[in-house]
PDB file of all heavy atoms in Angstrom:
ATOM      1  N   GLY A   1       3.593  94.895 101.246  1.00  0.00           N
ATOM      2  CA  GLY A   1       3.125  94.556 102.581  1.00  0.00           C
ATOM      3  C   GLY A   1       3.562  93.168 103.011  1.00  0.00           C
ATOM      4  O   GLY A   1       4.011  92.962 104.144  1.00  0.00           O
ATOM      5  N   LEU A   2       3.462  92.217 102.100  1.00  0.00           N
ATOM      6  CA  LEU A   2       3.861  90.846 102.426  1.00  0.00           C
ATOM      7  C   LEU A   2       5.375  90.728 102.577  1.00  0.00           C
ATOM      8  O   LEU A   2       5.857  89.989 103.440  1.00  0.00           O
ATOM      9  CB  LEU A   2       3.333  89.885 101.365  1.00  0.00           C
ATOM     10  CG  LEU A   2       1.809  89.755 101.355  1.00  0.00           C
ATOM     11  CD1 LEU A   2       1.335  89.036 100.100  1.00  0.00           C
ATOM     12  CD2 LEU A   2       1.304  89.056 102.615  1.00  0.00           C
ATOM     13  N   ALA A   3       6.127  91.467 101.777  1.00  0.00           N
ATOM     14  CA  ALA A   3       7.590  91.473 101.923  1.00  0.00           C
ATOM     15  C   ALA A   3       7.972  92.040 103.287  1.00  0.00           C
ATOM     16  O   ALA A   3       8.873  91.521 103.963  1.00  0.00           O
ATOM     17  CB  ALA A   3       8.234  92.283 100.798  1.00  0.00           C
ATOM     18  N   TYR A   4       7.284  93.088 103.702  1.00  0.00           N
ATOM     19  CA  TYR A   4       7.534  93.675 105.022  1.00  0.00           C
ATOM     20  C   TYR A   4       7.247  92.646 106.119  1.00  0.00           C
ATOM     21  O   TYR A   4       8.039  92.484 107.052  1.00  0.00           O
ATOM     22  CB  TYR A   4       6.679  94.925 105.206  1.00  0.00           C
ATOM     23  CG  TYR A   4       6.752  95.513 106.582  1.00  0.00           C
ATOM     24  CD1 TYR A   4       7.866  96.229 106.999  1.00  0.00           C
ATOM     25  CD2 TYR A   4       5.700  95.347 107.486  1.00  0.00           C
ATOM     26  CE1 TYR A   4       7.938  96.772 108.276  1.00  0.00           C
ATOM     27  CE2 TYR A   4       5.759  95.891 108.766  1.00  0.00           C
ATOM     28  CZ  TYR A   4       6.885  96.593 109.148  1.00  0.00           C
ATOM     29  OH  TYR A   4       6.953  97.124 110.419  1.00  0.00           O
ATOM     30  N   ALA A   5       6.123  91.953 105.998  1.00  0.00           N
ATOM     31  CA  ALA A   5       5.774  90.928 106.994  1.00  0.00           C
ATOM     32  C   ALA A   5       6.871  89.870 107.073  1.00  0.00           C
ATOM     33  O   ALA A   5       7.294  89.483 108.169  1.00  0.00           O
ATOM     34  CB  ALA A   5       4.432  90.284 106.635  1.00  0.00           C
ATOM     35  N   ARG A   6       7.346  89.425 105.918  1.00  0.00           N
ATOM     36  CA  ARG A   6       8.391  88.399 105.897  1.00  0.00           C
ATOM     37  C   ARG A   6       9.685  88.916 106.530  1.00  0.00           C
ATOM     38  O   ARG A   6      10.305  88.253 107.351  1.00  0.00           O
ATOM     39  CB  ARG A   6       8.632  87.930 104.459  1.00  0.00           C
ATOM     40  CG  ARG A   6       9.539  86.717 104.382  1.00  0.00           C
ATOM     41  CD  ARG A   6       9.623  86.136 102.995  1.00  0.00           C
ATOM     42  NE  ARG A   6       8.379  85.676 102.407  1.00  0.00           N
ATOM     43  CZ  ARG A   6       7.737  84.559 102.736  1.00  0.00           C
ATOM     44  NH1 ARG A   6       8.209  83.788 103.696  1.00  0.00           N
ATOM     45  NH2 ARG A   6       6.627  84.215 102.121  1.00  0.00           N
ATOM     46  N   GLU A   7      10.080  90.138 106.164  1.00  0.00           N
ATOM     47  CA  GLU A   7      11.312  90.729 106.703  1.00  0.00           C
ATOM     48  C   GLU A   7      11.253  90.891 108.213  1.00  0.00           C
ATOM     49  O   GLU A   7      12.259  90.732 108.909  1.00  0.00           O
ATOM     50  CB  GLU A   7      11.552  92.102 106.075  1.00  0.00           C
ATOM     51  CG  GLU A   7      11.939  92.062 104.621  1.00  0.00           C
ATOM     52  CD  GLU A   7      11.815  93.416 103.939  1.00  0.00           C
ATOM     53  OE1 GLU A   7      11.610  94.442 104.630  1.00  0.00           O
ATOM     54  OE2 GLU A   7      11.910  93.450 102.701  1.00  0.00           O
ATOM     55  N   GLU A   8      10.070  91.214 108.726  1.00  0.00           N
ATOM     56  CA  GLU A   8       9.908  91.466 110.159  1.00  0.00           C
ATOM     57  C   GLU A   8       9.531  90.211 110.950  1.00  0.00           C
ATOM     58  O   GLU A   8       9.369  90.274 112.163  1.00  0.00           O
ATOM     59  CB  GLU A   8       8.838  92.550 110.380  1.00  0.00           C
ATOM     60  CG  GLU A   8       9.224  93.909 109.817  1.00  0.00           C
ATOM     61  CD  GLU A   8      10.453  94.493 110.481  1.00  0.00           C
ATOM     62  OE1 GLU A   8      10.550  94.455 111.718  1.00  0.00           O
ATOM     63  OE2 GLU A   8      11.348  94.983 109.738  1.00  0.00           O
ATOM     64  N   GLY A   9       9.359  89.089 110.263  1.00  0.00           N
ATOM     65  CA  GLY A   9       8.991  87.849 110.938  1.00  0.00           C
ATOM     66  C   GLY A   9       7.574  87.860 111.485  1.00  0.00           C
ATOM     67  O   GLY A   9       7.286  87.222 112.498  1.00  0.00           O
ATOM     68  N   LEU A  10       6.674  88.559 110.790  1.00  0.00           N
ATOM     69  CA  LEU A  10       5.280  88.684 111.239  1.00  0.00           C
ATOM     70  C   LEU A  10       4.387  87.670 110.545  1.00  0.00           C
ATOM     71  O   LEU A  10       4.565  87.380 109.363  1.00  0.00           O
ATOM     72  CB  LEU A  10       4.752  90.093 110.938  1.00  0.00           C
ATOM     73  CG  LEU A  10       5.500  91.250 111.588  1.00  0.00           C
ATOM     74  CD1 LEU A  10       5.017  92.576 111.010  1.00  0.00           C
ATOM     75  CD2 LEU A  10       5.331  91.209 113.095  1.00  0.00           C
ATOM     76  N   ARG A  11       3.412  87.159 111.266  1.00  0.00           N
ATOM     77  CA  ARG A  11       2.348  86.359 110.674  1.00  0.00           C
ATOM     78  C   ARG A  11       1.345  87.333 110.067  1.00  0.00           C
ATOM     79  O   ARG A  11       1.226  88.479 110.501  1.00  0.00           O
ATOM     80  CB  ARG A  11       1.667  85.480 111.715  1.00  0.00           C
ATOM     81  CG  ARG A  11       2.540  84.362 112.203  1.00  0.00           C
ATOM     82  CD  ARG A  11       2.746  83.404 111.085  1.00  0.00           C
ATOM     83  NE  ARG A  11       3.510  82.251 111.509  1.00  0.00           N
ATOM     84  CZ  ARG A  11       3.836  81.295 110.673  1.00  0.00           C
ATOM     85  NH1 ARG A  11       3.469  81.359 109.418  1.00  0.00           N
ATOM     86  NH2 ARG A  11       4.530  80.288 111.084  1.00  0.00           N
ATOM     87  N   VAL A  12       0.594  86.862 109.066  1.00  0.00           N
ATOM     88  CA  VAL A  12      -0.334  87.715 108.331  1.00  0.00           C
ATOM     89  C   VAL A  12      -1.770  87.264 108.555  1.00  0.00           C
ATOM     90  O   VAL A  12      -2.091  86.075 108.449  1.00  0.00           O
ATOM     91  CB  VAL A  12      -0.009  87.682 106.814  1.00  0.00           C
ATOM     92  CG1 VAL A  12      -1.074  88.405 106.001  1.00  0.00           C
ATOM     93  CG2 VAL A  12       1.370  88.279 106.566  1.00  0.00           C
ATOM     94  N   LEU A  13      -2.629  88.232 108.837  1.00  0.00           N
ATOM     95  CA  LEU A  13      -4.076  88.028 108.871  1.00  0.00           C
ATOM     96  C   LEU A  13      -4.660  88.957 107.803  1.00  0.00           C
ATOM     97  O   LEU A  13      -4.750  90.166 108.007  1.00  0.00           O
ATOM     98  CB  LEU A  13      -4.647  88.357 110.253  1.00  0.00           C
ATOM     99  CG  LEU A  13      -6.148  88.184 110.422  1.00  0.00           C
ATOM    100  CD1 LEU A  13      -6.596  86.766 110.088  1.00  0.00           C
ATOM    101  CD2 LEU A  13      -6.554  88.551 111.841  1.00  0.00           C
ATOM    102  N   PRO A  14      -5.007  88.403 106.618  1.00  0.00           N
ATOM    103  CA  PRO A  14      -5.478  89.244 105.521  1.00  0.00           C
ATOM    104  C   PRO A  14      -6.996  89.473 105.576  1.00  0.00           C
ATOM    105  O   PRO A  14      -7.767  88.798 104.891  1.00  0.00           O
ATOM    106  CB  PRO A  14      -5.078  88.445 104.275  1.00  0.00           C
ATOM    107  CG  PRO A  14      -5.169  87.017 104.713  1.00  0.00           C
ATOM    108  CD  PRO A  14      -4.792  87.017 106.189  1.00  0.00           C
ATOM    109  N   LEU A  15      -7.424  90.430 106.381  1.00  0.00           N
ATOM    110  CA  LEU A  15      -8.849  90.753 106.436  1.00  0.00           C
ATOM    111  C   LEU A  15      -9.286  91.530 105.200  1.00  0.00           C
ATOM    112  O   LEU A  15     -10.462  91.513 104.837  1.00  0.00           O
ATOM    113  CB  LEU A  15      -9.174  91.544 107.706  1.00  0.00           C
ATOM    114  CG  LEU A  15      -8.926  90.814 109.022  1.00  0.00           C
ATOM    115  CD1 LEU A  15      -9.371  91.676 110.200  1.00  0.00           C
ATOM    116  CD2 LEU A  15      -9.624  89.453 109.050  1.00  0.00           C
ATOM    117  N   CYS A  16      -8.356  92.201 104.556  1.00  0.00           N
ATOM    118  CA  CYS A  16      -8.625  92.917 103.314  1.00  0.00           C
ATOM    119  C   CYS A  16      -8.893  91.895 102.208  1.00  0.00           C
ATOM    120  O   CYS A  16      -8.061  91.024 101.963  1.00  0.00           O
ATOM    121  CB  CYS A  16      -7.424  93.791 102.948  1.00  0.00           C
ATOM    122  SG  CYS A  16      -7.458  94.392 101.261  1.00  0.00           S
ATOM    123  N   PRO A  17     -10.044  91.980 101.525  1.00  0.00           N
ATOM    124  CA  PRO A  17     -10.347  91.014 100.462  1.00  0.00           C
ATOM    125  C   PRO A  17      -9.306  90.988  99.337  1.00  0.00           C
ATOM    126  O   PRO A  17      -9.024  89.926  98.782  1.00  0.00           O
ATOM    127  CB  PRO A  17     -11.709  91.470  99.927  1.00  0.00           C
ATOM    128  CG  PRO A  17     -12.314  92.252 101.043  1.00  0.00           C
ATOM    129  CD  PRO A  17     -11.166  92.896 101.763  1.00  0.00           C
ATOM    130  N   PHE A  18      -8.715  92.126  99.018  1.00  0.00           N
ATOM    131  CA  PHE A  18      -7.723  92.153  97.938  1.00  0.00           C
ATOM    132  C   PHE A  18      -6.474  91.363  98.326  1.00  0.00           C
ATOM    133  O   PHE A  18      -5.984  90.552  97.542  1.00  0.00           O
ATOM    134  CB  PHE A  18      -7.347  93.591  97.558  1.00  0.00           C
ATOM    135  CG  PHE A  18      -6.430  93.638  96.369  1.00  0.00           C
ATOM    136  CD1 PHE A  18      -6.949  93.680  95.092  1.00  0.00           C
ATOM    137  CD2 PHE A  18      -5.049  93.609  96.533  1.00  0.00           C
ATOM    138  CE1 PHE A  18      -6.102  93.683  93.981  1.00  0.00           C
ATOM    139  CE2 PHE A  18      -4.205  93.610  95.435  1.00  0.00           C
ATOM    140  CZ  PHE A  18      -4.730  93.648  94.155  1.00  0.00           C
ATOM    141  N   VAL A  19      -5.966  91.588  99.521  1.00  0.00           N
ATOM    142  CA  VAL A  19      -4.759  90.866  99.967  1.00  0.00           C
ATOM    143  C   VAL A  19      -5.075  89.379 100.127  1.00  0.00           C
ATOM    144  O   VAL A  19      -4.273  88.526  99.738  1.00  0.00           O
ATOM    145  CB  VAL A  19      -4.189  91.462 101.269  1.00  0.00           C
ATOM    146  CG1 VAL A  19      -3.013  90.638 101.785  1.00  0.00           C
ATOM    147  CG2 VAL A  19      -3.767  92.906 101.046  1.00  0.00           C
ATOM    148  N   LYS A  20      -6.254  89.068 100.634  1.00  0.00           N
ATOM    149  CA  LYS A  20      -6.656  87.667 100.773  1.00  0.00           C
ATOM    150  C   LYS A  20      -6.686  86.984  99.404  1.00  0.00           C
ATOM    151  O   LYS A  20      -6.174  85.879  99.233  1.00  0.00           O
ATOM    152  CB  LYS A  20      -8.023  87.577 101.449  1.00  0.00           C
ATOM    153  CG  LYS A  20      -8.478  86.163 101.699  1.00  0.00           C
ATOM    154  CD  LYS A  20      -9.804  86.128 102.429  1.00  0.00           C
ATOM    155  CE  LYS A  20     -10.250  84.703 102.632  1.00  0.00           C
ATOM    156  NZ  LYS A  20     -11.557  84.622 103.290  1.00  0.00           N
ATOM    157  N   SER A  21      -7.256  87.650  98.415  1.00  0.00           N
ATOM    158  CA  SER A  21      -7.313  87.104  97.059  1.00  0.00           C
ATOM    159  C   SER A  21      -5.915  86.953  96.461  1.00  0.00           C
ATOM    160  O   SER A  21      -5.600  85.946  95.814  1.00  0.00           O
ATOM    161  CB  SER A  21      -8.176  88.015  96.182  1.00  0.00           C
ATOM    162  OG  SER A  21      -8.172  87.583  94.859  1.00  0.00           O
ATOM    163  N   TYR A  22      -5.065  87.943  96.676  1.00  0.00           N
ATOM    164  CA  TYR A  22      -3.687  87.879  96.194  1.00  0.00           C
ATOM    165  C   TYR A  22      -2.990  86.661  96.796  1.00  0.00           C
ATOM    166  O   TYR A  22      -2.333  85.889  96.089  1.00  0.00           O
ATOM    167  CB  TYR A  22      -2.918  89.160  96.539  1.00  0.00           C
ATOM    168  CG  TYR A  22      -1.480  89.102  96.091  1.00  0.00           C
ATOM    169  CD1 TYR A  22      -1.113  89.539  94.822  1.00  0.00           C
ATOM    170  CD2 TYR A  22      -0.490  88.567  96.913  1.00  0.00           C
ATOM    171  CE1 TYR A  22       0.207  89.453  94.390  1.00  0.00           C
ATOM    172  CE2 TYR A  22       0.827  88.483  96.491  1.00  0.00           C
ATOM    173  CZ  TYR A  22       1.163  88.922  95.230  1.00  0.00           C
ATOM    174  OH  TYR A  22       2.478  88.821  94.804  1.00  0.00           O
ATOM    175  N   MET A  23      -3.124  86.475  98.093  1.00  0.00           N
ATOM    176  CA  MET A  23      -2.468  85.353  98.761  1.00  0.00           C
ATOM    177  C   MET A  23      -3.028  84.020  98.270  1.00  0.00           C
ATOM    178  O   MET A  23      -2.287  83.048  98.135  1.00  0.00           O
ATOM    179  CB  MET A  23      -2.585  85.487 100.277  1.00  0.00           C
ATOM    180  CG  MET A  23      -1.765  86.640 100.830  1.00  0.00           C
ATOM    181  SD  MET A  23      -1.787  86.730 102.640  1.00  0.00           S
ATOM    182  CE  MET A  23      -0.600  85.416 103.036  1.00  0.00           C
ATOM    183  N   HIS A  24      -4.316  83.979  97.994  1.00  0.00           N
ATOM    184  CA  HIS A  24      -4.930  82.755  97.473  1.00  0.00           C
ATOM    185  C   HIS A  24      -4.273  82.353  96.150  1.00  0.00           C
ATOM    186  O   HIS A  24      -4.013  81.167  95.917  1.00  0.00           O
ATOM    187  CB  HIS A  24      -6.431  82.973  97.284  1.00  0.00           C
ATOM    188  CG  HIS A  24      -7.129  81.800  96.681  1.00  0.00           C
ATOM    189  ND1 HIS A  24      -7.409  80.657  97.400  1.00  0.00           N
ATOM    190  CD2 HIS A  24      -7.585  81.588  95.423  1.00  0.00           C
ATOM    191  CE1 HIS A  24      -8.013  79.789  96.598  1.00  0.00           C
ATOM    192  NE2 HIS A  24      -8.133  80.331  95.398  1.00  0.00           N
ATOM    193  N   ARG A  25      -3.985  83.340  95.308  1.00  0.00           N
ATOM    194  CA  ARG A  25      -3.392  83.078  93.993  1.00  0.00           C
ATOM    195  C   ARG A  25      -1.871  82.853  94.060  1.00  0.00           C
ATOM    196  O   ARG A  25      -1.274  82.464  93.057  1.00  0.00           O
ATOM    197  CB  ARG A  25      -3.675  84.248  93.035  1.00  0.00           C
ATOM    198  CG  ARG A  25      -5.139  84.399  92.668  1.00  0.00           C
ATOM    199  CD  ARG A  25      -5.369  85.453  91.589  1.00  0.00           C
ATOM    200  NE  ARG A  25      -4.636  86.695  91.778  1.00  0.00           N
ATOM    201  CZ  ARG A  25      -5.046  87.737  92.504  1.00  0.00           C
ATOM    202  NH1 ARG A  25      -6.202  87.674  93.139  1.00  0.00           N
ATOM    203  NH2 ARG A  25      -4.317  88.834  92.594  1.00  0.00           N
ATOM    204  N   HIS A  26      -1.268  83.113  95.206  1.00  0.00           N
ATOM    205  CA  HIS A  26       0.186  82.982  95.355  1.00  0.00           C
ATOM    206  C   HIS A  26       0.522  82.086  96.550  1.00  0.00           C
ATOM    207  O   HIS A  26       0.786  82.562  97.655  1.00  0.00           O
ATOM    208  CB  HIS A  26       0.827  84.372  95.512  1.00  0.00           C
ATOM    209  CG  HIS A  26       0.705  85.197  94.284  1.00  0.00           C
ATOM    210  ND1 HIS A  26      -0.394  85.978  94.012  1.00  0.00           N
ATOM    211  CD2 HIS A  26       1.542  85.332  93.228  1.00  0.00           C
ATOM    212  CE1 HIS A  26      -0.223  86.571  92.848  1.00  0.00           C
ATOM    213  NE2 HIS A  26       0.934  86.187  92.344  1.00  0.00           N
ATOM    214  N   PRO A  27       0.526  80.779  96.315  1.00  0.00           N
ATOM    215  CA  PRO A  27       0.782  79.838  97.410  1.00  0.00           C
ATOM    216  C   PRO A  27       2.110  80.045  98.121  1.00  0.00           C
ATOM    217  O   PRO A  27       2.268  79.641  99.271  1.00  0.00           O
ATOM    218  CB  PRO A  27       0.744  78.464  96.735  1.00  0.00           C
ATOM    219  CG  PRO A  27       0.210  78.661  95.372  1.00  0.00           C
ATOM    220  CD  PRO A  27       0.262  80.119  95.054  1.00  0.00           C
ATOM    221  N   GLU A  28       3.056  80.691  97.455  1.00  0.00           N
ATOM    222  CA  GLU A  28       4.355  80.947  98.101  1.00  0.00           C
ATOM    223  C   GLU A  28       4.234  81.898  99.278  1.00  0.00           C
ATOM    224  O   GLU A  28       5.183  82.064 100.048  1.00  0.00           O
ATOM    225  CB  GLU A  28       5.373  81.473  97.073  1.00  0.00           C
ATOM    226  CG  GLU A  28       5.103  82.876  96.566  1.00  0.00           C
ATOM    227  CD  GLU A  28       4.130  82.975  95.381  1.00  0.00           C
ATOM    228  OE1 GLU A  28       3.459  81.984  95.052  1.00  0.00           O
ATOM    229  OE2 GLU A  28       4.048  84.063  94.796  1.00  0.00           O
ATOM    230  N   THR A  29       3.069  82.524  99.451  1.00  0.00           N
ATOM    231  CA  THR A  29       2.844  83.424 100.587  1.00  0.00           C
ATOM    232  C   THR A  29       2.134  82.737 101.747  1.00  0.00           C
ATOM    233  O   THR A  29       2.006  83.321 102.811  1.00  0.00           O
ATOM    234  CB  THR A  29       2.014  84.656 100.166  1.00  0.00           C
ATOM    235  OG1 THR A  29       0.693  84.239  99.786  1.00  0.00           O
ATOM    236  CG2 THR A  29       2.683  85.405  99.022  1.00  0.00           C
ATOM    237  N   HIS A  30       1.658  81.516 101.542  1.00  0.00           N
ATOM    238  CA  HIS A  30       0.827  80.859 102.554  1.00  0.00           C
ATOM    239  C   HIS A  30       1.562  80.597 103.865  1.00  0.00           C
ATOM    240  O   HIS A  30       0.928  80.501 104.921  1.00  0.00           O
ATOM    241  CB  HIS A  30       0.241  79.561 102.001  1.00  0.00           C
ATOM    242  CG  HIS A  30      -0.759  79.798 100.911  1.00  0.00           C
ATOM    243  ND1 HIS A  30      -1.461  78.776 100.318  1.00  0.00           N
ATOM    244  CD2 HIS A  30      -1.168  80.937 100.300  1.00  0.00           C
ATOM    245  CE1 HIS A  30      -2.263  79.276  99.390  1.00  0.00           C
ATOM    246  NE2 HIS A  30      -2.100  80.582  99.357  1.00  0.00           N
ATOM    247  N   ASP A  31       2.885  80.497 103.812  1.00  0.00           N
ATOM    248  CA  ASP A  31       3.639  80.275 105.045  1.00  0.00           C
ATOM    249  C   ASP A  31       3.558  81.475 105.987  1.00  0.00           C
ATOM    250  O   ASP A  31       3.843  81.355 107.171  1.00  0.00           O
ATOM    251  CB  ASP A  31       5.104  79.950 104.735  1.00  0.00           C
ATOM    252  CG  ASP A  31       5.838  81.107 104.070  1.00  0.00           C
ATOM    253  OD1 ASP A  31       5.339  81.608 103.040  1.00  0.00           O
ATOM    254  OD2 ASP A  31       6.901  81.508 104.570  1.00  0.00           O
ATOM    255  N   LEU A  32       3.135  82.621 105.462  1.00  0.00           N
ATOM    256  CA  LEU A  32       3.007  83.825 106.291  1.00  0.00           C
ATOM    257  C   LEU A  32       1.686  83.871 107.073  1.00  0.00           C
ATOM    258  O   LEU A  32       1.564  84.627 108.029  1.00  0.00           O
ATOM    259  CB  LEU A  32       3.089  85.083 105.410  1.00  0.00           C
ATOM    260  CG  LEU A  32       4.418  85.341 104.728  1.00  0.00           C
ATOM    261  CD1 LEU A  32       4.284  86.483 103.727  1.00  0.00           C
ATOM    262  CD2 LEU A  32       5.484  85.658 105.758  1.00  0.00           C
TER     263      LEU A  32
END
């Protein structure tokens, strides 16, 4: 999902707790 967002130039709003937690643990995704 995050790769798709990056490829499409989309900003991410992680309302899903799992994706939010994943992004928290992976700072390289914070630019999204």
